[in-house]
Amino acid sequence: GLKKWVEIGNSGIFRPELLLPMGLPENVSVIAWGLSLERPTMIKYGINNIRELVGHRVNLQMVYDSPLCRLDA
């Protein structure tokens, strides 16, 4: 529907300077991956700022009204 590519699965290697504060040795490599479901969700609901989807700025009424979210489980 967007007529363009949208990344929904991503991966990468942490930069060494991000690992040093965690106490990891300099010669350690750490990989990470995820589904990035935030991006297609933002597109579906017309959200332009990820902080409106996760964090303290979330519109809880949208969560209550969304047929994909179940709060009674």
C-alpha atoms as a PDB file:
ATOM      1  CA  GLY A   1       0.000   0.000   0.000  1.00  0.00           C
ATOM      2  CA  LEU A   2       2.933   2.363   0.559  1.00  0.00           C
ATOM      3  CA  LYS A   3       4.546   1.642  -2.803  1.00  0.00           C
ATOM      4  CA  LYS A   4       7.971   1.698  -1.128  1.00  0.00           C
ATOM      5  CA  TRP A   5      10.169  -0.634   0.908  1.00  0.00           C
ATOM      6  CA  VAL A   6       9.710  -0.618   4.687  1.00  0.00           C
ATOM      7  CA  GLU A   7      12.250  -2.271   6.969  1.00  0.00           C
ATOM      8  CA  ILE A   8      10.542  -4.509   9.533  1.00  0.00           C
ATOM      9  CA  GLY A   9      13.371  -6.836  10.496  1.00  0.00           C
ATOM     10  CA  ASN A  10      16.769  -5.462  11.310  1.00  0.00           C
ATOM     11  CA  SER A  11      20.028  -6.396  12.939  1.00  0.00           C
ATOM     12  CA  GLY A  12      23.407  -4.971  13.707  1.00  0.00           C
ATOM     13  CA  ILE A  13      26.534  -4.991  15.838  1.00  0.00           C
ATOM     14  CA  PHE A  14      26.881  -2.724  18.863  1.00  0.00           C
ATOM     15  CA  ARG A  15      29.661  -0.159  18.605  1.00  0.00           C
ATOM     16  CA  PRO A  16      32.496  -0.768  21.126  1.00  0.00           C
ATOM     17  CA  GLU A  17      32.027   2.570  22.904  1.00  0.00           C
ATOM     18  CA  LEU A  18      28.456   1.557  23.790  1.00  0.00           C
ATOM     19  CA  LEU A  19      29.645  -1.660  25.427  1.00  0.00           C
ATOM     20  CA  LEU A  20      32.440  -0.215  27.571  1.00  0.00           C
ATOM     21  CA  PRO A  21      30.090   1.431  30.140  1.00  0.00           C
ATOM     22  CA  MET A  22      28.531  -2.011  30.647  1.00  0.00           C
ATOM     23  CA  GLY A  23      31.877  -3.365  31.782  1.00  0.00           C
ATOM     24  CA  LEU A  24      32.424  -5.601  28.763  1.00  0.00           C
ATOM     25  CA  PRO A  25      35.976  -6.093  27.485  1.00  0.00           C
ATOM     26  CA  GLU A  26      37.037  -4.175  24.371  1.00  0.00           C
ATOM     27  CA  ASN A  27      37.446  -7.357  22.318  1.00  0.00           C
ATOM     28  CA  VAL A  28      33.807  -8.481  22.793  1.00  0.00           C
ATOM     29  CA  SER A  29      31.329  -8.177  19.907  1.00  0.00           C
ATOM     30  CA  VAL A  30      27.603  -8.054  20.586  1.00  0.00           C
ATOM     31  CA  ILE A  31      24.943  -8.508  17.919  1.00  0.00           C
ATOM     32  CA  ALA A  32      21.307  -7.515  18.166  1.00  0.00           C
ATOM     33  CA  TRP A  33      18.215  -8.137  16.094  1.00  0.00           C
ATOM     34  CA  GLY A  34      14.498  -7.569  16.303  1.00  0.00           C
ATOM     35  CA  LEU A  35      11.272  -7.441  14.344  1.00  0.00           C
ATOM     36  CA  SER A  36      10.825  -3.664  14.553  1.00  0.00           C
ATOM     37  CA  LEU A  37       7.062  -3.969  14.701  1.00  0.00           C
ATOM     38  CA  GLU A  38       6.935  -0.302  15.682  1.00  0.00           C
ATOM     39  CA  ARG A  39       7.419   0.846  12.087  1.00  0.00           C
ATOM     40  CA  PRO A  40       4.468  -0.960  10.462  1.00  0.00           C
ATOM     41  CA  THR A  41       2.337  -0.054  13.501  1.00  0.00           C
ATOM     42  CA  MET A  42       3.232   3.617  13.049  1.00  0.00           C
ATOM     43  CA  ILE A  43       2.280   3.398   9.379  1.00  0.00           C
ATOM     44  CA  LYS A  44      -1.026   1.634  10.100  1.00  0.00           C
ATOM     45  CA  TYR A  45      -2.124   4.170  12.706  1.00  0.00           C
ATOM     46  CA  GLY A  46      -0.618   7.253  11.055  1.00  0.00           C
ATOM     47  CA  ILE A  47       1.848   7.921  13.882  1.00  0.00           C
ATOM     48  CA  ASN A  48       4.773  10.116  12.828  1.00  0.00           C
ATOM     49  CA  ASN A  49       6.749  10.153  16.079  1.00  0.00           C
ATOM     50  CA  ILE A  50       7.761   6.869  17.729  1.00  0.00           C
ATOM     51  CA  ARG A  51       7.515   8.555  21.140  1.00  0.00           C
ATOM     52  CA  GLU A  52       3.739   8.603  20.648  1.00  0.00           C
ATOM     53  CA  LEU A  53       3.769   4.802  20.308  1.00  0.00           C
ATOM     54  CA  VAL A  54       6.142   3.842  23.138  1.00  0.00           C
ATOM     55  CA  GLY A  55       6.910   5.766  26.288  1.00  0.00           C
ATOM     56  CA  HIS A  56       5.110   8.250  28.461  1.00  0.00           C
ATOM     57  CA  ARG A  57       3.390  10.067  25.575  1.00  0.00           C
ATOM     58  CA  VAL A  58       1.293   7.066  24.488  1.00  0.00           C
ATOM     59  CA  ASN A  59      -2.356   7.898  23.879  1.00  0.00           C
ATOM     60  CA  LEU A  60      -4.015   5.255  26.046  1.00  0.00           C
ATOM     61  CA  GLN A  61      -7.390   5.887  24.411  1.00  0.00           C
ATOM     62  CA  MET A  62      -5.892   4.588  21.148  1.00  0.00           C
ATOM     63  CA  VAL A  63      -4.825   1.436  22.996  1.00  0.00           C
ATOM     64  CA  TYR A  64      -8.315   0.968  24.452  1.00  0.00           C
ATOM     65  CA  ASP A  65      -9.997   1.564  21.076  1.00  0.00           C
ATOM     66  CA  SER A  66      -7.647  -0.610  19.015  1.00  0.00           C
ATOM     67  CA  PRO A  67      -9.087  -3.993  18.003  1.00  0.00           C
ATOM     68  CA  LEU A  68      -5.534  -5.428  18.007  1.00  0.00           C
ATOM     69  CA  CYS A  69      -4.916  -4.720  21.683  1.00  0.00           C
ATOM     70  CA  ARG A  70      -6.508  -6.776  24.445  1.00  0.00           C
ATOM     71  CA  LEU A  71      -6.397  -5.446  27.950  1.00  0.00           C
ATOM     72  CA  ASP A  72      -8.777  -8.025  29.433  1.00  0.00           C
ATOM     73  CA  ALA A  73      -6.448 -11.029  29.077  1.00  0.00           C
END
